Amino acid sequence: MTALTELTTVEYTHRWSAETGLIHSYPRADLSNTQILYLVPRCSTDVMYPVRHARVELSCAAASTSDRFTWCAGCAVAARRARRTQLEQQVPQQRKAIA
């Protein structure tokens, strides 16, 4: 992934972080690469000093909606922002196809 490419919502997956106790979104490519020991959640990708979570502290077993676990608000906002951007890019293309 280069700095110029924006990941889509489909390219993220959810994992529970034992450090924060929240469910965060992480890039699938980073999760599949075992050489990356510290993963940057979606809520922290645009900051100068991103929060990094150790791979060993992440669990996919708890990544379901439950009373004990809460979703990260920053990851949810970043996902909504990305979906809105994708929709805004699709609308002009659809208008060109109609005209």
PDB file of N, CA and C in Angstrom:
ATOM      1  N   MET A   1       0.844  -1.186   0.000  1.00  0.00           N
ATOM      2  CA  MET A   1       0.000   0.000   0.000  1.00  0.00           C
ATOM      3  C   MET A   1       0.883   1.241   0.000  1.00  0.00           C
ATOM      4  N   THR A   2       0.595   2.183  -0.848  1.00  0.00           N
ATOM      5  CA  THR A   2       1.334   3.434  -0.875  1.00  0.00           C
ATOM      6  C   THR A   2       0.562   4.494  -0.110  1.00  0.00           C
ATOM      7  N   ALA A   3       1.204   5.602   0.137  1.00  0.00           N
ATOM      8  CA  ALA A   3       0.560   6.679   0.883  1.00  0.00           C
ATOM      9  C   ALA A   3      -0.578   7.312   0.083  1.00  0.00           C
ATOM     10  N   LEU A   4      -0.564   7.137  -1.235  1.00  0.00           N
ATOM     11  CA  LEU A   4      -1.574   7.766  -2.066  1.00  0.00           C
ATOM     12  C   LEU A   4      -2.853   6.933  -2.187  1.00  0.00           C
ATOM     13  N   THR A   5      -2.789   5.674  -1.825  1.00  0.00           N
ATOM     14  CA  THR A   5      -3.975   4.819  -1.971  1.00  0.00           C
ATOM     15  C   THR A   5      -4.807   4.840  -0.704  1.00  0.00           C
ATOM     16  N   GLU A   6      -6.092   4.980  -0.914  1.00  0.00           N
ATOM     17  CA  GLU A   6      -7.050   4.971   0.193  1.00  0.00           C
ATOM     18  C   GLU A   6      -7.675   3.590   0.259  1.00  0.00           C
ATOM     19  N   LEU A   7      -7.615   2.973   1.428  1.00  0.00           N
ATOM     20  CA  LEU A   7      -8.229   1.658   1.579  1.00  0.00           C
ATOM     21  C   LEU A   7      -9.738   1.795   1.639  1.00  0.00           C
ATOM     22  N   THR A   8     -10.434   0.853   1.046  1.00  0.00           N
ATOM     23  CA  THR A   8     -11.887   0.857   1.127  1.00  0.00           C
ATOM     24  C   THR A   8     -12.321   0.144   2.397  1.00  0.00           C
ATOM     25  N   THR A   9     -13.602   0.258   2.722  1.00  0.00           N
ATOM     26  CA  THR A   9     -14.136  -0.355   3.921  1.00  0.00           C
ATOM     27  C   THR A   9     -13.989  -1.870   3.885  1.00  0.00           C
ATOM     28  N   VAL A  10     -14.039  -2.455   2.714  1.00  0.00           N
ATOM     29  CA  VAL A  10     -13.937  -3.907   2.578  1.00  0.00           C
ATOM     30  C   VAL A  10     -12.533  -4.392   2.939  1.00  0.00           C
ATOM     31  N   GLU A  11     -11.538  -3.544   2.808  1.00  0.00           N
ATOM     32  CA  GLU A  11     -10.159  -3.940   3.065  1.00  0.00           C
ATOM     33  C   GLU A  11      -9.769  -3.846   4.538  1.00  0.00           C
ATOM     34  N   TYR A  12     -10.740  -3.665   5.411  1.00  0.00           N
ATOM     35  CA  TYR A  12     -10.514  -3.631   6.852  1.00  0.00           C
ATOM     36  C   TYR A  12     -11.261  -4.769   7.517  1.00  0.00           C
ATOM     37  N   THR A  13     -10.753  -5.198   8.647  1.00  0.00           N
ATOM     38  CA  THR A  13     -11.448  -6.205   9.439  1.00  0.00           C
ATOM     39  C   THR A  13     -11.357  -5.805  10.908  1.00  0.00           C
ATOM     40  N   HIS A  14     -12.229  -6.349  11.723  1.00  0.00           N
ATOM     41  CA  HIS A  14     -12.322  -5.954  13.122  1.00  0.00           C
ATOM     42  C   HIS A  14     -11.581  -6.931  14.021  1.00  0.00           C
ATOM     43  N   ARG A  15     -10.886  -6.378  14.996  1.00  0.00           N
ATOM     44  CA  ARG A  15     -10.214  -7.178  16.017  1.00  0.00           C
ATOM     45  C   ARG A  15     -10.377  -6.479  17.363  1.00  0.00           C
ATOM     46  N   TRP A  16     -10.421  -7.271  18.420  1.00  0.00           N
ATOM     47  CA  TRP A  16     -10.535  -6.723  19.762  1.00  0.00           C
ATOM     48  C   TRP A  16      -9.140  -6.520  20.319  1.00  0.00           C
ATOM     49  N   SER A  17      -8.896  -5.339  20.866  1.00  0.00           N
ATOM     50  CA  SER A  17      -7.596  -5.015  21.428  1.00  0.00           C
ATOM     51  C   SER A  17      -7.652  -5.171  22.937  1.00  0.00           C
ATOM     52  N   ALA A  18      -6.806  -6.028  23.477  1.00  0.00           N
ATOM     53  CA  ALA A  18      -6.764  -6.235  24.926  1.00  0.00           C
ATOM     54  C   ALA A  18      -6.236  -4.991  25.637  1.00  0.00           C
ATOM     55  N   GLU A  19      -5.408  -4.220  24.944  1.00  0.00           N
ATOM     56  CA  GLU A  19      -4.812  -3.021  25.540  1.00  0.00           C
ATOM     57  C   GLU A  19      -5.872  -1.947  25.802  1.00  0.00           C
ATOM     58  N   THR A  20      -6.722  -1.703  24.822  1.00  0.00           N
ATOM     59  CA  THR A  20      -7.725  -0.642  24.967  1.00  0.00           C
ATOM     60  C   THR A  20      -9.083  -1.174  25.396  1.00  0.00           C
ATOM     61  N   GLY A  21      -9.340  -2.459  25.167  1.00  0.00           N
ATOM     62  CA  GLY A  21     -10.643  -3.032  25.491  1.00  0.00           C
ATOM     63  C   GLY A  21     -11.708  -2.671  24.474  1.00  0.00           C
ATOM     64  N   LEU A  22     -11.288  -2.172  23.321  1.00  0.00           N
ATOM     65  CA  LEU A  22     -12.213  -1.756  22.272  1.00  0.00           C
ATOM     66  C   LEU A  22     -12.030  -2.617  21.030  1.00  0.00           C
ATOM     67  N   ILE A  23     -13.057  -2.642  20.198  1.00  0.00           N
ATOM     68  CA  ILE A  23     -12.959  -3.310  18.900  1.00  0.00           C
ATOM     69  C   ILE A  23     -12.554  -2.260  17.875  1.00  0.00           C
ATOM     70  N   HIS A  24     -11.402  -2.481  17.252  1.00  0.00           N
ATOM     71  CA  HIS A  24     -10.857  -1.559  16.253  1.00  0.00           C
ATOM     72  C   HIS A  24     -10.899  -2.206  14.877  1.00  0.00           C
ATOM     73  N   SER A  25     -10.759  -1.378  13.838  1.00  0.00           N
ATOM     74  CA  SER A  25     -10.627  -1.857  12.462  1.00  0.00           C
ATOM     75  C   SER A  25      -9.160  -1.804  12.072  1.00  0.00           C
ATOM     76  N   TYR A  26      -8.671  -2.906  11.494  1.00  0.00           N
ATOM     77  CA  TYR A  26      -7.284  -2.997  11.057  1.00  0.00           C
ATOM     78  C   TYR A  26      -7.256  -3.392   9.579  1.00  0.00           C
ATOM     79  N   PRO A  27      -6.245  -2.929   8.831  1.00  0.00           N
ATOM     80  CA  PRO A  27      -6.131  -3.339   7.429  1.00  0.00           C
ATOM     81  C   PRO A  27      -5.886  -4.846   7.319  1.00  0.00           C
ATOM     82  N   ARG A  28      -6.621  -5.491   6.425  1.00  0.00           N
ATOM     83  CA  ARG A  28      -6.459  -6.944   6.228  1.00  0.00           C
ATOM     84  C   ARG A  28      -5.050  -7.297   5.774  1.00  0.00           C
ATOM     85  N   ALA A  29      -4.455  -6.450   4.946  1.00  0.00           N
ATOM     86  CA  ALA A  29      -3.104  -6.726   4.443  1.00  0.00           C
ATOM     87  C   ALA A  29      -2.094  -6.742   5.592  1.00  0.00           C
ATOM     88  N   ASP A  30      -2.251  -5.842   6.545  1.00  0.00           N
ATOM     89  CA  ASP A  30      -1.345  -5.813   7.696  1.00  0.00           C
ATOM     90  C   ASP A  30      -1.547  -7.028   8.589  1.00  0.00           C
ATOM     91  N   LEU A  31      -2.800  -7.440   8.755  1.00  0.00           N
ATOM     92  CA  LEU A  31      -3.070  -8.619   9.584  1.00  0.00           C
ATOM     93  C   LEU A  31      -2.530  -9.901   8.956  1.00  0.00           C
ATOM     94  N   SER A  32      -2.554  -9.975   7.639  1.00  0.00           N
ATOM     95  CA  SER A  32      -2.065 -11.185   6.977  1.00  0.00           C
ATOM     96  C   SER A  32      -0.540 -11.235   6.907  1.00  0.00           C
ATOM     97  N   ASN A  33       0.121 -10.098   7.056  1.00  0.00           N
ATOM     98  CA  ASN A  33       1.581 -10.044   7.031  1.00  0.00           C
ATOM     99  C   ASN A  33       2.101 -10.290   8.445  1.00  0.00           C
ATOM    100  N   THR A  34       2.676 -11.457   8.678  1.00  0.00           N
ATOM    101  CA  THR A  34       3.133 -11.826  10.022  1.00  0.00           C
ATOM    102  C   THR A  34       4.397 -11.087  10.450  1.00  0.00           C
ATOM    103  N   GLN A  35       5.053 -10.402   9.530  1.00  0.00           N
ATOM    104  CA  GLN A  35       6.253  -9.655   9.891  1.00  0.00           C
ATOM    105  C   GLN A  35       5.934  -8.341  10.589  1.00  0.00           C
ATOM    106  N   ILE A  36       4.701  -7.875  10.472  1.00  0.00           N
ATOM    107  CA  ILE A  36       4.300  -6.644  11.146  1.00  0.00           C
ATOM    108  C   ILE A  36       3.885  -7.003  12.575  1.00  0.00           C
ATOM    109  N   LEU A  37       4.648  -6.530  13.542  1.00  0.00           N
ATOM    110  CA  LEU A  37       4.388  -6.884  14.938  1.00  0.00           C
ATOM    111  C   LEU A  37       3.436  -5.918  15.624  1.00  0.00           C
ATOM    112  N   TYR A  38       3.435  -4.650  15.188  1.00  0.00           N
ATOM    113  CA  TYR A  38       2.559  -3.643  15.782  1.00  0.00           C
ATOM    114  C   TYR A  38       1.647  -3.082  14.691  1.00  0.00           C
ATOM    115  N   LEU A  39       0.366  -3.193  14.899  1.00  0.00           N
ATOM    116  CA  LEU A  39      -0.610  -2.773  13.902  1.00  0.00           C
ATOM    117  C   LEU A  39      -1.207  -1.424  14.270  1.00  0.00           C
ATOM    118  N   VAL A  40      -1.476  -0.615  13.256  1.00  0.00           N
ATOM    119  CA  VAL A  40      -2.071   0.705  13.442  1.00  0.00           C
ATOM    120  C   VAL A  40      -3.563   0.590  13.129  1.00  0.00           C
ATOM    121  N   PRO A  41      -4.434   0.910  14.101  1.00  0.00           N
ATOM    122  CA  PRO A  41      -5.878   0.838  13.826  1.00  0.00           C
ATOM    123  C   PRO A  41      -6.320   1.970  12.905  1.00  0.00           C
ATOM    124  N   ARG A  42      -7.493   1.799  12.332  1.00  0.00           N
ATOM    125  CA  ARG A  42      -8.022   2.764  11.369  1.00  0.00           C
ATOM    126  C   ARG A  42      -8.181   4.158  11.977  1.00  0.00           C
ATOM    127  N   CYS A  43      -8.527   4.237  13.242  1.00  0.00           N
ATOM    128  CA  CYS A  43      -8.755   5.532  13.881  1.00  0.00           C
ATOM    129  C   CYS A  43      -7.468   6.328  14.050  1.00  0.00           C
ATOM    130  N   SER A  44      -6.326   5.689  13.872  1.00  0.00           N
ATOM    131  CA  SER A  44      -5.055   6.343  14.139  1.00  0.00           C
ATOM    132  C   SER A  44      -4.171   6.462  12.898  1.00  0.00           C
ATOM    133  N   THR A  45      -4.719   6.227  11.723  1.00  0.00           N
ATOM    134  CA  THR A  45      -3.882   6.243  10.520  1.00  0.00           C
ATOM    135  C   THR A  45      -3.506   7.641  10.052  1.00  0.00           C
ATOM    136  N   ASP A  46      -4.301   8.650  10.350  1.00  0.00           N
ATOM    137  CA  ASP A  46      -4.043   9.995   9.832  1.00  0.00           C
ATOM    138  C   ASP A  46      -3.336  10.919  10.810  1.00  0.00           C
ATOM    139  N   VAL A  47      -2.926  10.416  11.954  1.00  0.00           N
ATOM    140  CA  VAL A  47      -2.259  11.268  12.941  1.00  0.00           C
ATOM    141  C   VAL A  47      -0.748  11.146  12.798  1.00  0.00           C
ATOM    142  N   MET A  48      -0.029  12.154  13.309  1.00  0.00           N
ATOM    143  CA  MET A  48       1.416  12.176  13.154  1.00  0.00           C
ATOM    144  C   MET A  48       2.079  11.026  13.919  1.00  0.00           C
ATOM    145  N   TYR A  49       1.624  10.763  15.131  1.00  0.00           N
ATOM    146  CA  TYR A  49       2.172   9.683  15.944  1.00  0.00           C
ATOM    147  C   TYR A  49       1.053   8.681  16.227  1.00  0.00           C
ATOM    148  N   PRO A  50       0.858   7.713  15.335  1.00  0.00           N
ATOM    149  CA  PRO A  50      -0.272   6.794  15.488  1.00  0.00           C
ATOM    150  C   PRO A  50      -0.097   5.838  16.661  1.00  0.00           C
ATOM    151  N   VAL A  51      -1.207   5.443  17.222  1.00  0.00           N
ATOM    152  CA  VAL A  51      -1.217   4.422  18.257  1.00  0.00           C
ATOM    153  C   VAL A  51      -0.943   3.087  17.583  1.00  0.00           C
ATOM    154  N   ARG A  52      -0.112   2.281  18.191  1.00  0.00           N
ATOM    155  CA  ARG A  52       0.193   0.961  17.629  1.00  0.00           C
ATOM    156  C   ARG A  52      -0.197  -0.092  18.651  1.00  0.00           C
ATOM    157  N   HIS A  53      -0.845  -1.143  18.179  1.00  0.00           N
ATOM    158  CA  HIS A  53      -1.244  -2.245  19.053  1.00  0.00           C
ATOM    159  C   HIS A  53      -0.412  -3.473  18.711  1.00  0.00           C
ATOM    160  N   ALA A  54       0.080  -4.143  19.736  1.00  0.00           N
ATOM    161  CA  ALA A  54       0.867  -5.356  19.516  1.00  0.00           C
ATOM    162  C   ALA A  54      -0.024  -6.451  18.946  1.00  0.00           C
ATOM    163  N   ARG A  55       0.489  -7.166  17.961  1.00  0.00           N
ATOM    164  CA  ARG A  55      -0.271  -8.236  17.317  1.00  0.00           C
ATOM    165  C   ARG A  55      -0.713  -9.290  18.322  1.00  0.00           C
ATOM    166  N   VAL A  56       0.125  -9.572  19.328  1.00  0.00           N
ATOM    167  CA  VAL A  56      -0.207 -10.626  20.288  1.00  0.00           C
ATOM    168  C   VAL A  56      -1.368 -10.232  21.201  1.00  0.00           C
ATOM    169  N   GLU A  57      -1.691  -8.952  21.268  1.00  0.00           N
ATOM    170  CA  GLU A  57      -2.786  -8.494  22.122  1.00  0.00           C
ATOM    171  C   GLU A  57      -4.110  -8.389  21.376  1.00  0.00           C
ATOM    172  N   LEU A  58      -4.150  -8.777  20.104  1.00  0.00           N
ATOM    173  CA  LEU A  58      -5.370  -8.700  19.318  1.00  0.00           C
ATOM    174  C   LEU A  58      -6.052 -10.055  19.267  1.00  0.00           C
ATOM    175  N   SER A  59      -7.374 -10.019  19.311  1.00  0.00           N
ATOM    176  CA  SER A  59      -8.145 -11.258  19.256  1.00  0.00           C
ATOM    177  C   SER A  59      -9.324 -11.079  18.320  1.00  0.00           C
ATOM    178  N   CYS A  60      -9.565 -12.081  17.480  1.00  0.00           N
ATOM    179  CA  CYS A  60     -10.723 -12.013  16.593  1.00  0.00           C
ATOM    180  C   CYS A  60     -11.932 -12.690  17.225  1.00  0.00           C
ATOM    181  N   ALA A  61     -11.750 -13.419  18.312  1.00  0.00           N
ATOM    182  CA  ALA A  61     -12.863 -14.116  18.959  1.00  0.00           C
ATOM    183  C   ALA A  61     -13.861 -13.139  19.567  1.00  0.00           C
ATOM    184  N   ALA A  62     -13.399 -11.998  20.016  1.00  0.00           N
ATOM    185  CA  ALA A  62     -14.278 -11.046  20.683  1.00  0.00           C
ATOM    186  C   ALA A  62     -14.807  -9.974  19.743  1.00  0.00           C
ATOM    187  N   ALA A  63     -14.584 -10.119  18.459  1.00  0.00           N
ATOM    188  CA  ALA A  63     -14.973  -9.076  17.510  1.00  0.00           C
ATOM    189  C   ALA A  63     -16.427  -9.199  17.076  1.00  0.00           C
ATOM    190  N   SER A  64     -17.274  -9.597  17.951  1.00  0.00           N
ATOM    191  CA  SER A  64     -18.708  -9.621  17.660  1.00  0.00           C
ATOM    192  C   SER A  64     -19.393  -8.641  18.590  1.00  0.00           C
ATOM    193  N   THR A  65     -20.569  -8.205  18.239  1.00  0.00           N
ATOM    194  CA  THR A  65     -21.270  -7.242  19.076  1.00  0.00           C
ATOM    195  C   THR A  65     -21.703  -7.927  20.358  1.00  0.00           C
ATOM    196  N   SER A  66     -21.235  -7.419  21.437  1.00  0.00           N
ATOM    197  CA  SER A  66     -21.505  -8.014  22.741  1.00  0.00           C
ATOM    198  C   SER A  66     -21.631  -6.897  23.768  1.00  0.00           C
ATOM    199  N   ASP A  67     -22.194  -7.223  24.912  1.00  0.00           N
ATOM    200  CA  ASP A  67     -22.339  -6.226  25.974  1.00  0.00           C
ATOM    201  C   ASP A  67     -21.006  -5.899  26.626  1.00  0.00           C
ATOM    202  N   ARG A  68     -20.077  -6.840  26.586  1.00  0.00           N
ATOM    203  CA  ARG A  68     -18.804  -6.639  27.273  1.00  0.00           C
ATOM    204  C   ARG A  68     -17.820  -5.805  26.472  1.00  0.00           C
ATOM    205  N   PHE A  69     -17.994  -5.736  25.167  1.00  0.00           N
ATOM    206  CA  PHE A  69     -17.028  -5.059  24.315  1.00  0.00           C
ATOM    207  C   PHE A  69     -17.695  -3.893  23.607  1.00  0.00           C
ATOM    208  N   THR A  70     -16.955  -2.809  23.444  1.00  0.00           N
ATOM    209  CA  THR A  70     -17.491  -1.643  22.754  1.00  0.00           C
ATOM    210  C   THR A  70     -16.634  -1.343  21.526  1.00  0.00           C
ATOM    211  N   TRP A  71     -17.271  -0.742  20.544  1.00  0.00           N
ATOM    212  CA  TRP A  71     -16.592  -0.369  19.317  1.00  0.00           C
ATOM    213  C   TRP A  71     -15.845   0.934  19.505  1.00  0.00           C
ATOM    214  N   CYS A  72     -14.740   1.084  18.821  1.00  0.00           N
ATOM    215  CA  CYS A  72     -13.962   2.323  18.846  1.00  0.00           C
ATOM    216  C   CYS A  72     -14.715   3.388  18.051  1.00  0.00           C
ATOM    217  N   ALA A  73     -14.978   4.511  18.679  1.00  0.00           N
ATOM    218  CA  ALA A  73     -15.714   5.585  18.009  1.00  0.00           C
ATOM    219  C   ALA A  73     -14.902   6.176  16.863  1.00  0.00           C
ATOM    220  N   GLY A  74     -13.598   6.287  17.024  1.00  0.00           N
ATOM    221  CA  GLY A  74     -12.747   6.837  15.968  1.00  0.00           C
ATOM    222  C   GLY A  74     -12.723   5.971  14.723  1.00  0.00           C
ATOM    223  N   CYS A  75     -12.713   4.648  14.899  1.00  0.00           N
ATOM    224  CA  CYS A  75     -12.742   3.739  13.744  1.00  0.00           C
ATOM    225  C   CYS A  75     -14.088   3.826  13.034  1.00  0.00           C
ATOM    226  N   ALA A  76     -15.162   3.974  13.801  1.00  0.00           N
ATOM    227  CA  ALA A  76     -16.492   4.089  13.193  1.00  0.00           C
ATOM    228  C   ALA A  76     -16.608   5.374  12.385  1.00  0.00           C
ATOM    229  N   VAL A  77     -16.084   6.472  12.914  1.00  0.00           N
ATOM    230  CA  VAL A  77     -16.118   7.752  12.195  1.00  0.00           C
ATOM    231  C   VAL A  77     -15.277   7.671  10.925  1.00  0.00           C
ATOM    232  N   ALA A  78     -14.111   7.057  11.004  1.00  0.00           N
ATOM    233  CA  ALA A  78     -13.255   6.921   9.818  1.00  0.00           C
ATOM    234  C   ALA A  78     -13.934   6.066   8.750  1.00  0.00           C
ATOM    235  N   ALA A  79     -14.646   5.023   9.163  1.00  0.00           N
ATOM    236  CA  ALA A  79     -15.360   4.170   8.202  1.00  0.00           C
ATOM    237  C   ALA A  79     -16.491   4.942   7.531  1.00  0.00           C
ATOM    238  N   ARG A  80     -17.235   5.733   8.306  1.00  0.00           N
ATOM    239  CA  ARG A  80     -18.318   6.543   7.718  1.00  0.00           C
ATOM    240  C   ARG A  80     -17.763   7.566   6.750  1.00  0.00           C
ATOM    241  N   ARG A  81     -16.646   8.181   7.109  1.00  0.00           N
ATOM    242  CA  ARG A  81     -16.018   9.181   6.239  1.00  0.00           C
ATOM    243  C   ARG A  81     -15.575   8.546   4.917  1.00  0.00           C
ATOM    244  N   ALA A  82     -14.995   7.363   4.990  1.00  0.00           N
ATOM    245  CA  ALA A  82     -14.547   6.677   3.774  1.00  0.00           C
ATOM    246  C   ALA A  82     -15.734   6.276   2.905  1.00  0.00           C
ATOM    247  N   ARG A  83     -16.813   5.786   3.527  1.00  0.00           N
ATOM    248  CA  ARG A  83     -18.002   5.423   2.747  1.00  0.00           C
ATOM    249  C   ARG A  83     -18.608   6.644   2.075  1.00  0.00           C
ATOM    250  N   ARG A  84     -18.656   7.780   2.778  1.00  0.00           N
ATOM    251  CA  ARG A  84     -19.210   9.010   2.214  1.00  0.00           C
ATOM    252  C   ARG A  84     -18.369   9.468   1.027  1.00  0.00           C
ATOM    253  N   THR A  85     -17.052   9.386   1.148  1.00  0.00           N
ATOM    254  CA  THR A  85     -16.164   9.774   0.057  1.00  0.00           C
ATOM    255  C   THR A  85     -16.373   8.878  -1.158  1.00  0.00           C
ATOM    256  N   GLN A  86     -16.508   7.584  -0.935  1.00  0.00           N
ATOM    257  CA  GLN A  86     -16.745   6.660  -2.040  1.00  0.00           C
ATOM    258  C   GLN A  86     -18.068   6.953  -2.730  1.00  0.00           C
ATOM    259  N   LEU A  87     -19.104   7.248  -1.967  1.00  0.00           N
ATOM    260  CA  LEU A  87     -20.401   7.568  -2.552  1.00  0.00           C
ATOM    261  C   LEU A  87     -20.357   8.863  -3.345  1.00  0.00           C
ATOM    262  N   GLU A  88     -19.639   9.855  -2.824  1.00  0.00           N
ATOM    263  CA  GLU A  88     -19.518  11.130  -3.533  1.00  0.00           C
ATOM    264  C   GLU A  88     -18.764  10.959  -4.846  1.00  0.00           C
ATOM    265  N   GLN A  89     -17.824  10.029  -4.896  1.00  0.00           N
ATOM    266  CA  GLN A  89     -17.096   9.779  -6.132  1.00  0.00           C
ATOM    267  C   GLN A  89     -17.946   9.006  -7.127  1.00  0.00           C
ATOM    268  N   GLN A  90     -18.872   8.188  -6.647  1.00  0.00           N
ATOM    269  CA  GLN A  90     -19.722   7.400  -7.528  1.00  0.00           C
ATOM    270  C   GLN A  90     -20.817   8.242  -8.171  1.00  0.00           C
ATOM    271  N   VAL A  91     -21.305   9.255  -7.488  1.00  0.00           N
ATOM    272  CA  VAL A  91     -22.416  10.065  -8.007  1.00  0.00           C
ATOM    273  C   VAL A  91     -22.048  10.762  -9.310  1.00  0.00           C
ATOM    274  N   PRO A  92     -20.894  11.446  -9.428  1.00  0.00           N
ATOM    275  CA  PRO A  92     -20.567  12.069 -10.729  1.00  0.00           C
ATOM    276  C   PRO A  92     -20.424  11.047 -11.850  1.00  0.00           C
ATOM    277  N   GLN A  93     -19.897   9.868 -11.542  1.00  0.00           N
ATOM    278  CA  GLN A  93     -19.762   8.834 -12.565  1.00  0.00           C
ATOM    279  C   GLN A  93     -21.130   8.362 -13.039  1.00  0.00           C
ATOM    280  N   GLN A  94     -22.078   8.255 -12.120  1.00  0.00           N
ATOM    281  CA  GLN A  94     -23.424   7.842 -12.489  1.00  0.00           C
ATOM    282  C   GLN A  94     -24.117   8.916 -13.322  1.00  0.00           C
ATOM    283  N   ARG A  95     -23.874  10.183 -12.997  1.00  0.00           N
ATOM    284  CA  ARG A  95     -24.471  11.284 -13.769  1.00  0.00           C
ATOM    285  C   ARG A  95     -23.930  11.300 -15.193  1.00  0.00           C
ATOM    286  N   LYS A  96     -22.630  11.006 -15.350  1.00  0.00           N
ATOM    287  CA  LYS A  96     -22.040  10.961 -16.697  1.00  0.00           C
ATOM    288  C   LYS A  96     -22.631   9.814 -17.492  1.00  0.00           C
ATOM    289  N   ALA A  97     -22.890   8.689 -16.824  1.00  0.00           N
ATOM    290  CA  ALA A  97     -23.454   7.527 -17.527  1.00  0.00           C
ATOM    291  C   ALA A  97     -24.886   7.809 -17.982  1.00  0.00           C
ATOM    292  N   ILE A  98     -25.643   8.591 -17.202  1.00  0.00           N
ATOM    293  CA  ILE A  98     -27.015   8.913 -17.558  1.00  0.00           C
ATOM    294  C   ILE A  98     -27.065   9.898 -18.721  1.00  0.00           C
ATOM    295  N   ALA A  99     -26.147  10.871 -18.717  1.00  0.00           N
ATOM    296  CA  ALA A  99     -26.131  11.911 -19.757  1.00  0.00           C
ATOM    297  C   ALA A  99     -25.569  11.395 -21.021  1.00  0.00           C
TER     298      ALA A  99
END
